[in-house]
Amino acid sequence: MLRLAATLFAIFCLASGVVTAQDIFKEAKASFIFNGERVNISRENQEPARIATRFSTNGAECGEPCIAPMVIAEGIETFGELDVLAFLVNEVAGNTGLMVDARMPADRAKGFIPGTVSLPYATLSPENEFKDEILRALGVREIDGMFTFTDARELLVYDNGPSADDAGKLVRNLLDEGYPASKIRYYRGGMQVWAILGFSIKEVTS
């Protein structure tokens, strides 16, 4: 499964696009090209509370009570929703960054933020023999047997939200591999807050 995830992630990393000029800060909207397709994000969901329940978690996997800290790690900026929209329009559409979903595939299947790619935290665990392939897909280069992160992509990491730790696990794995904290951001609100605010959500279709 992890090898498949690595392959899919490498394909998704081919995303590129052109920034669309619009006032996302006033309208809380975004429009950009991702993987050759137009992505539109707005506050369109009519039943945000009902949809948000899909992403509720009991914190069983990260201890009770499970509340993610505002600062996930030293040197990593925490983003709000308008920051997320700006990152998608600028870094993602400009092909210099990726917004990555740290959840495992079963959780992502419940819905995800449009324009994001799946990077389950387990794919960068020390036990995954394909993790180096994933790092290369992120723009990390290997020179004389050592990784260099000069050209590594800017990352914005998210998961289900404040009561989950998938993003925390992925961030810790990235930092352990040497990924610079300055190239990582964290959207703490995750799917829970994104949904409750009524923002667009994409669902996995078979």
C-alpha atoms as a PDB file:
ATOM      1  CA  MET A   1       0.000   0.000   0.000  1.00  0.00           C
ATOM      2  CA  LEU A   2       2.808   2.404   0.912  1.00  0.00           C
ATOM      3  CA  ARG A   3       4.571   1.819  -2.409  1.00  0.00           C
ATOM      4  CA  LEU A   4       1.293   2.589  -4.223  1.00  0.00           C
ATOM      5  CA  ALA A   5       0.900   5.758  -2.169  1.00  0.00           C
ATOM      6  CA  ALA A   6       4.430   6.779  -3.097  1.00  0.00           C
ATOM      7  CA  THR A   7       3.731   6.210  -6.807  1.00  0.00           C
ATOM      8  CA  LEU A   8       0.467   8.150  -6.713  1.00  0.00           C
ATOM      9  CA  PHE A   9       2.120  10.956  -4.811  1.00  0.00           C
ATOM     10  CA  ALA A  10       4.888  11.230  -7.385  1.00  0.00           C
ATOM     11  CA  ILE A  11       2.247  11.545 -10.121  1.00  0.00           C
ATOM     12  CA  PHE A  12       0.352  14.215  -8.214  1.00  0.00           C
ATOM     13  CA  CYS A  13       3.577  16.187  -7.829  1.00  0.00           C
ATOM     14  CA  LEU A  14       3.377  17.076 -11.524  1.00  0.00           C
ATOM     15  CA  ALA A  15       0.800  19.739 -10.639  1.00  0.00           C
ATOM     16  CA  SER A  16       1.296  23.152 -12.146  1.00  0.00           C
ATOM     17  CA  GLY A  17      -0.794  26.151 -13.000  1.00  0.00           C
ATOM     18  CA  VAL A  18      -1.200  29.866 -13.442  1.00  0.00           C
ATOM     19  CA  VAL A  19      -2.165  32.164 -10.585  1.00  0.00           C
ATOM     20  CA  THR A  20      -5.606  33.741 -11.019  1.00  0.00           C
ATOM     21  CA  ALA A  21      -5.874  37.364  -9.905  1.00  0.00           C
ATOM     22  CA  GLN A  22      -8.694  37.768  -7.380  1.00  0.00           C
ATOM     23  CA  ASP A  23      -9.309  39.210  -3.968  1.00  0.00           C
ATOM     24  CA  ILE A  24      -9.331  36.043  -1.864  1.00  0.00           C
ATOM     25  CA  PHE A  25      -8.888  37.999   1.337  1.00  0.00           C
ATOM     26  CA  LYS A  26     -12.254  39.745   0.992  1.00  0.00           C
ATOM     27  CA  GLU A  27     -14.249  37.007  -0.705  1.00  0.00           C
ATOM     28  CA  ALA A  28     -12.742  33.875   0.906  1.00  0.00           C
ATOM     29  CA  LYS A  29     -12.562  32.259  -2.530  1.00  0.00           C
ATOM     30  CA  ALA A  30      -9.815  30.761  -4.629  1.00  0.00           C
ATOM     31  CA  SER A  31      -9.495  29.666  -8.234  1.00  0.00           C
ATOM     32  CA  PHE A  32      -6.389  28.052  -9.692  1.00  0.00           C
ATOM     33  CA  ILE A  33      -5.095  25.346 -12.028  1.00  0.00           C
ATOM     34  CA  PHE A  34      -4.046  22.053 -10.431  1.00  0.00           C
ATOM     35  CA  ASN A  35      -3.013  18.952 -12.395  1.00  0.00           C
ATOM     36  CA  GLY A  36      -4.309  20.640 -15.534  1.00  0.00           C
ATOM     37  CA  GLU A  37      -7.783  21.274 -14.143  1.00  0.00           C
ATOM     38  CA  ARG A  38      -9.491  24.368 -12.782  1.00  0.00           C
ATOM     39  CA  VAL A  39     -10.088  24.211  -9.035  1.00  0.00           C
ATOM     40  CA  ASN A  40     -12.663  26.560  -7.500  1.00  0.00           C
ATOM     41  CA  ILE A  41     -12.999  26.945  -3.741  1.00  0.00           C
ATOM     42  CA  SER A  42     -15.750  28.914  -2.042  1.00  0.00           C
ATOM     43  CA  ARG A  43     -18.012  28.718   0.986  1.00  0.00           C
ATOM     44  CA  GLU A  44     -20.601  26.684  -0.884  1.00  0.00           C
ATOM     45  CA  ASN A  45     -21.623  23.904   1.505  1.00  0.00           C
ATOM     46  CA  GLN A  46     -25.204  24.310   2.683  1.00  0.00           C
ATOM     47  CA  GLU A  47     -24.983  21.842   5.581  1.00  0.00           C
ATOM     48  CA  PRO A  48     -21.578  22.515   7.138  1.00  0.00           C
ATOM     49  CA  ALA A  49     -22.360  21.075  10.587  1.00  0.00           C
ATOM     50  CA  ARG A  50     -23.584  17.769   9.157  1.00  0.00           C
ATOM     51  CA  ILE A  51     -20.584  17.455   6.847  1.00  0.00           C
ATOM     52  CA  ALA A  52     -18.157  18.326   9.635  1.00  0.00           C
ATOM     53  CA  THR A  53     -19.272  15.264  11.613  1.00  0.00           C
ATOM     54  CA  ARG A  54     -17.509  13.068   9.025  1.00  0.00           C
ATOM     55  CA  PHE A  55     -14.218  14.335  10.317  1.00  0.00           C
ATOM     56  CA  SER A  56     -14.830  14.151  14.049  1.00  0.00           C
ATOM     57  CA  THR A  57     -12.323  12.059  15.963  1.00  0.00           C
ATOM     58  CA  ASN A  58     -12.172  10.858  19.547  1.00  0.00           C
ATOM     59  CA  GLY A  59      -8.428  11.268  19.901  1.00  0.00           C
ATOM     60  CA  ALA A  60      -7.886   7.585  20.604  1.00  0.00           C
ATOM     61  CA  GLU A  61      -4.728   7.409  18.479  1.00  0.00           C
ATOM     62  CA  CYS A  62      -2.923  10.328  20.106  1.00  0.00           C
ATOM     63  CA  GLY A  63      -4.004  10.090  23.721  1.00  0.00           C
ATOM     64  CA  GLU A  64      -6.856  11.517  25.731  1.00  0.00           C
ATOM     65  CA  PRO A  65      -7.609  14.312  25.527  1.00  0.00           C
ATOM     66  CA  CYS A  66      -6.170  14.868  22.070  1.00  0.00           C
ATOM     67  CA  ILE A  67      -5.825  18.558  21.308  1.00  0.00           C
ATOM     68  CA  ALA A  68      -3.257  19.609  18.738  1.00  0.00           C
ATOM     69  CA  PRO A  69      -0.998  22.476  19.878  1.00  0.00           C
ATOM     70  CA  MET A  70      -1.154  25.828  18.096  1.00  0.00           C
ATOM     71  CA  VAL A  71       2.557  25.475  17.307  1.00  0.00           C
ATOM     72  CA  ILE A  72       3.152  21.993  15.934  1.00  0.00           C
ATOM     73  CA  ALA A  73       6.955  22.324  16.013  1.00  0.00           C
ATOM     74  CA  GLU A  74       9.511  25.065  16.460  1.00  0.00           C
ATOM     75  CA  GLY A  75       9.934  27.178  13.354  1.00  0.00           C
ATOM     76  CA  ILE A  76       6.708  26.006  11.671  1.00  0.00           C
ATOM     77  CA  GLU A  77       4.019  28.626  11.041  1.00  0.00           C
ATOM     78  CA  THR A  78       0.378  27.795  11.799  1.00  0.00           C
ATOM     79  CA  PHE A  79      -2.056  28.838   9.058  1.00  0.00           C
ATOM     80  CA  GLY A  80      -5.664  29.985   9.099  1.00  0.00           C
ATOM     81  CA  GLU A  81      -8.136  29.568   6.257  1.00  0.00           C
ATOM     82  CA  LEU A  82      -7.202  32.724   4.332  1.00  0.00           C
ATOM     83  CA  ASP A  83      -3.553  31.713   4.555  1.00  0.00           C
ATOM     84  CA  VAL A  84      -4.515  28.324   3.103  1.00  0.00           C
ATOM     85  CA  LEU A  85      -6.315  29.932   0.159  1.00  0.00           C
ATOM     86  CA  ALA A  86      -3.331  32.191  -0.533  1.00  0.00           C
ATOM     87  CA  PHE A  87      -0.939  29.207  -0.394  1.00  0.00           C
ATOM     88  CA  LEU A  88      -3.089  27.273  -2.886  1.00  0.00           C
ATOM     89  CA  VAL A  89      -3.342  30.191  -5.304  1.00  0.00           C
ATOM     90  CA  ASN A  90       0.332  31.119  -5.085  1.00  0.00           C
ATOM     91  CA  GLU A  91       2.598  28.201  -4.117  1.00  0.00           C
ATOM     92  CA  VAL A  92       0.467  25.288  -5.338  1.00  0.00           C
ATOM     93  CA  ALA A  93      -0.672  26.901  -8.578  1.00  0.00           C
ATOM     94  CA  GLY A  94       2.843  28.256  -9.069  1.00  0.00           C
ATOM     95  CA  ASN A  95       4.258  24.732  -8.710  1.00  0.00           C
ATOM     96  CA  THR A  96       6.579  25.713  -5.872  1.00  0.00           C
ATOM     97  CA  GLY A  97       4.574  24.137  -3.053  1.00  0.00           C
ATOM     98  CA  LEU A  98       2.153  21.384  -2.151  1.00  0.00           C
ATOM     99  CA  MET A  99      -0.652  21.188   0.374  1.00  0.00           C
ATOM    100  CA  VAL A 100      -0.466  17.653   1.715  1.00  0.00           C
ATOM    101  CA  ASP A 101      -3.073  15.549   3.512  1.00  0.00           C
ATOM    102  CA  ALA A 102      -1.379  13.608   6.308  1.00  0.00           C
ATOM    103  CA  ARG A 103      -4.345  11.268   6.872  1.00  0.00           C
ATOM    104  CA  MET A 104      -4.416   7.633   5.840  1.00  0.00           C
ATOM    105  CA  PRO A 105      -6.409   6.845   2.645  1.00  0.00           C
ATOM    106  CA  ALA A 106      -9.550   5.648   4.490  1.00  0.00           C
ATOM    107  CA  ASP A 107      -9.870   9.046   6.175  1.00  0.00           C
ATOM    108  CA  ARG A 108      -9.128  10.987   2.996  1.00  0.00           C
ATOM    109  CA  ALA A 109     -11.906   9.059   1.257  1.00  0.00           C
ATOM    110  CA  LYS A 110     -14.400  10.901   3.474  1.00  0.00           C
ATOM    111  CA  GLY A 111     -13.474  14.152   1.757  1.00  0.00           C
ATOM    112  CA  PHE A 112     -10.483  16.426   1.257  1.00  0.00           C
ATOM    113  CA  ILE A 113      -9.559  20.002   0.430  1.00  0.00           C
ATOM    114  CA  PRO A 114      -9.488  20.536  -3.353  1.00  0.00           C
ATOM    115  CA  GLY A 115      -6.023  21.018  -4.798  1.00  0.00           C
ATOM    116  CA  THR A 116      -4.297  18.908  -2.136  1.00  0.00           C
ATOM    117  CA  VAL A 117      -2.418  15.627  -2.440  1.00  0.00           C
ATOM    118  CA  SER A 118      -2.308  12.573  -0.222  1.00  0.00           C
ATOM    119  CA  LEU A 119       0.866  12.093   1.808  1.00  0.00           C
ATOM    120  CA  PRO A 120      -0.076   9.720   4.656  1.00  0.00           C
ATOM    121  CA  TYR A 121       2.167  10.114   7.683  1.00  0.00           C
ATOM    122  CA  ALA A 122       3.079   6.408   7.513  1.00  0.00           C
ATOM    123  CA  THR A 123       4.728   6.811   4.105  1.00  0.00           C
ATOM    124  CA  LEU A 124       7.571   8.754   5.695  1.00  0.00           C
ATOM    125  CA  SER A 125       7.966   6.541   8.725  1.00  0.00           C
ATOM    126  CA  PRO A 126      11.409   4.931   9.180  1.00  0.00           C
ATOM    127  CA  GLU A 127       9.848   1.523   8.458  1.00  0.00           C
ATOM    128  CA  ASN A 128       8.776   2.447   4.912  1.00  0.00           C
ATOM    129  CA  GLU A 129      11.474   1.336   2.491  1.00  0.00           C
ATOM    130  CA  PHE A 130      10.110   3.711  -0.181  1.00  0.00           C
ATOM    131  CA  LYS A 131      10.323   6.915   1.868  1.00  0.00           C
ATOM    132  CA  ASP A 132      13.387   8.121  -0.029  1.00  0.00           C
ATOM    133  CA  GLU A 133      11.366   7.981  -3.255  1.00  0.00           C
ATOM    134  CA  ILE A 134       8.750  10.207  -1.666  1.00  0.00           C
ATOM    135  CA  LEU A 135      11.373  12.698  -0.504  1.00  0.00           C
ATOM    136  CA  ARG A 136      12.692  12.883  -4.072  1.00  0.00           C
ATOM    137  CA  ALA A 137       9.144  13.533  -5.303  1.00  0.00           C
ATOM    138  CA  LEU A 138       9.079  16.482  -2.896  1.00  0.00           C
ATOM    139  CA  GLY A 139      12.101  17.974  -4.635  1.00  0.00           C
ATOM    140  CA  VAL A 140      14.756  16.674  -2.249  1.00  0.00           C
ATOM    141  CA  ARG A 141      17.979  15.851  -4.079  1.00  0.00           C
ATOM    142  CA  GLU A 142      20.667  13.348  -3.185  1.00  0.00           C
ATOM    143  CA  ILE A 143      24.289  14.381  -3.663  1.00  0.00           C
ATOM    144  CA  ASP A 144      27.129  12.048  -2.700  1.00  0.00           C
ATOM    145  CA  GLY A 145      24.756   9.976  -0.603  1.00  0.00           C
ATOM    146  CA  MET A 146      23.438  12.984   1.320  1.00  0.00           C
ATOM    147  CA  PHE A 147      20.063  14.677   0.947  1.00  0.00           C
ATOM    148  CA  THR A 148      19.959  18.383   0.128  1.00  0.00           C
ATOM    149  CA  PHE A 149      16.759  20.335   0.653  1.00  0.00           C
ATOM    150  CA  THR A 150      17.581  23.502  -1.283  1.00  0.00           C
ATOM    151  CA  ASP A 151      15.017  22.717  -3.994  1.00  0.00           C
ATOM    152  CA  ALA A 152      12.515  20.942  -1.739  1.00  0.00           C
ATOM    153  CA  ARG A 153       8.945  22.130  -2.120  1.00  0.00           C
ATOM    154  CA  GLU A 154       7.168  24.345   0.365  1.00  0.00           C
ATOM    155  CA  LEU A 155       4.649  22.166   2.231  1.00  0.00           C
ATOM    156  CA  LEU A 156       1.364  22.939   3.968  1.00  0.00           C
ATOM    157  CA  VAL A 157       0.298  19.974   6.107  1.00  0.00           C
ATOM    158  CA  TYR A 158      -3.208  19.200   7.380  1.00  0.00           C
ATOM    159  CA  ASP A 159      -5.351  16.361   8.757  1.00  0.00           C
ATOM    160  CA  ASN A 160      -8.826  16.041  10.320  1.00  0.00           C
ATOM    161  CA  GLY A 161      -8.227  18.989  12.617  1.00  0.00           C
ATOM    162  CA  PRO A 162      -7.477  20.021  16.199  1.00  0.00           C
ATOM    163  CA  SER A 163      -8.448  16.643  17.669  1.00  0.00           C
ATOM    164  CA  ALA A 164      -6.125  14.631  15.406  1.00  0.00           C
ATOM    165  CA  ASP A 165      -2.368  14.075  15.273  1.00  0.00           C
ATOM    166  CA  ASP A 166      -1.780  12.736  11.750  1.00  0.00           C
ATOM    167  CA  ALA A 167      -0.285  16.085  10.731  1.00  0.00           C
ATOM    168  CA  GLY A 168       1.906  16.042  13.817  1.00  0.00           C
ATOM    169  CA  LYS A 169       3.210  12.589  12.957  1.00  0.00           C
ATOM    170  CA  LEU A 170       3.960  13.595   9.368  1.00  0.00           C
ATOM    171  CA  VAL A 171       5.732  16.762  10.483  1.00  0.00           C
ATOM    172  CA  ARG A 172       7.856  14.814  12.953  1.00  0.00           C
ATOM    173  CA  ASN A 173       8.784  12.309  10.237  1.00  0.00           C
ATOM    174  CA  LEU A 174       9.692  15.133   7.840  1.00  0.00           C
ATOM    175  CA  LEU A 175      11.848  16.871  10.427  1.00  0.00           C
ATOM    176  CA  ASP A 176      13.552  13.597  11.334  1.00  0.00           C
ATOM    177  CA  GLU A 177      14.549  13.218   7.669  1.00  0.00           C
ATOM    178  CA  GLY A 178      16.078  16.692   7.711  1.00  0.00           C
ATOM    179  CA  TYR A 179      13.275  18.587   5.972  1.00  0.00           C
ATOM    180  CA  PRO A 180      13.701  22.257   6.972  1.00  0.00           C
ATOM    181  CA  ALA A 181      11.050  23.628   9.330  1.00  0.00           C
ATOM    182  CA  SER A 182      11.164  26.847   7.292  1.00  0.00           C
ATOM    183  CA  LYS A 183       9.664  24.941   4.338  1.00  0.00           C
ATOM    184  CA  ILE A 184       6.728  23.504   6.323  1.00  0.00           C
ATOM    185  CA  ARG A 185       3.444  25.138   7.351  1.00  0.00           C
ATOM    186  CA  TYR A 186       0.581  23.680   9.359  1.00  0.00           C
ATOM    187  CA  TYR A 187      -3.164  24.144   8.900  1.00  0.00           C
ATOM    188  CA  ARG A 188      -4.423  23.284  12.381  1.00  0.00           C
ATOM    189  CA  GLY A 189      -8.133  23.687  11.571  1.00  0.00           C
ATOM    190  CA  GLY A 190      -8.010  20.762   9.153  1.00  0.00           C
ATOM    191  CA  MET A 191     -11.133  19.184   7.743  1.00  0.00           C
ATOM    192  CA  GLN A 192     -13.209  19.888  10.859  1.00  0.00           C
ATOM    193  CA  VAL A 193     -12.908  23.668  10.699  1.00  0.00           C
ATOM    194  CA  TRP A 194     -12.772  23.739   6.879  1.00  0.00           C
ATOM    195  CA  ALA A 195     -16.097  21.906   6.778  1.00  0.00           C
ATOM    196  CA  ILE A 196     -17.818  23.893   9.524  1.00  0.00           C
ATOM    197  CA  LEU A 197     -16.970  27.105   7.660  1.00  0.00           C
ATOM    198  CA  GLY A 198     -18.675  25.717   4.574  1.00  0.00           C
ATOM    199  CA  PHE A 199     -15.661  25.591   2.273  1.00  0.00           C
ATOM    200  CA  SER A 200     -15.611  23.349  -0.806  1.00  0.00           C
ATOM    201  CA  ILE A 201     -14.782  19.702  -0.164  1.00  0.00           C
ATOM    202  CA  LYS A 202     -13.906  17.125  -2.802  1.00  0.00           C
ATOM    203  CA  GLU A 203     -14.942  13.517  -2.356  1.00  0.00           C
ATOM    204  CA  VAL A 204     -13.224  10.426  -3.681  1.00  0.00           C
ATOM    205  CA  THR A 205     -15.170   9.011  -6.620  1.00  0.00           C
ATOM    206  CA  SER A 206     -14.821   5.466  -7.901  1.00  0.00           C
END
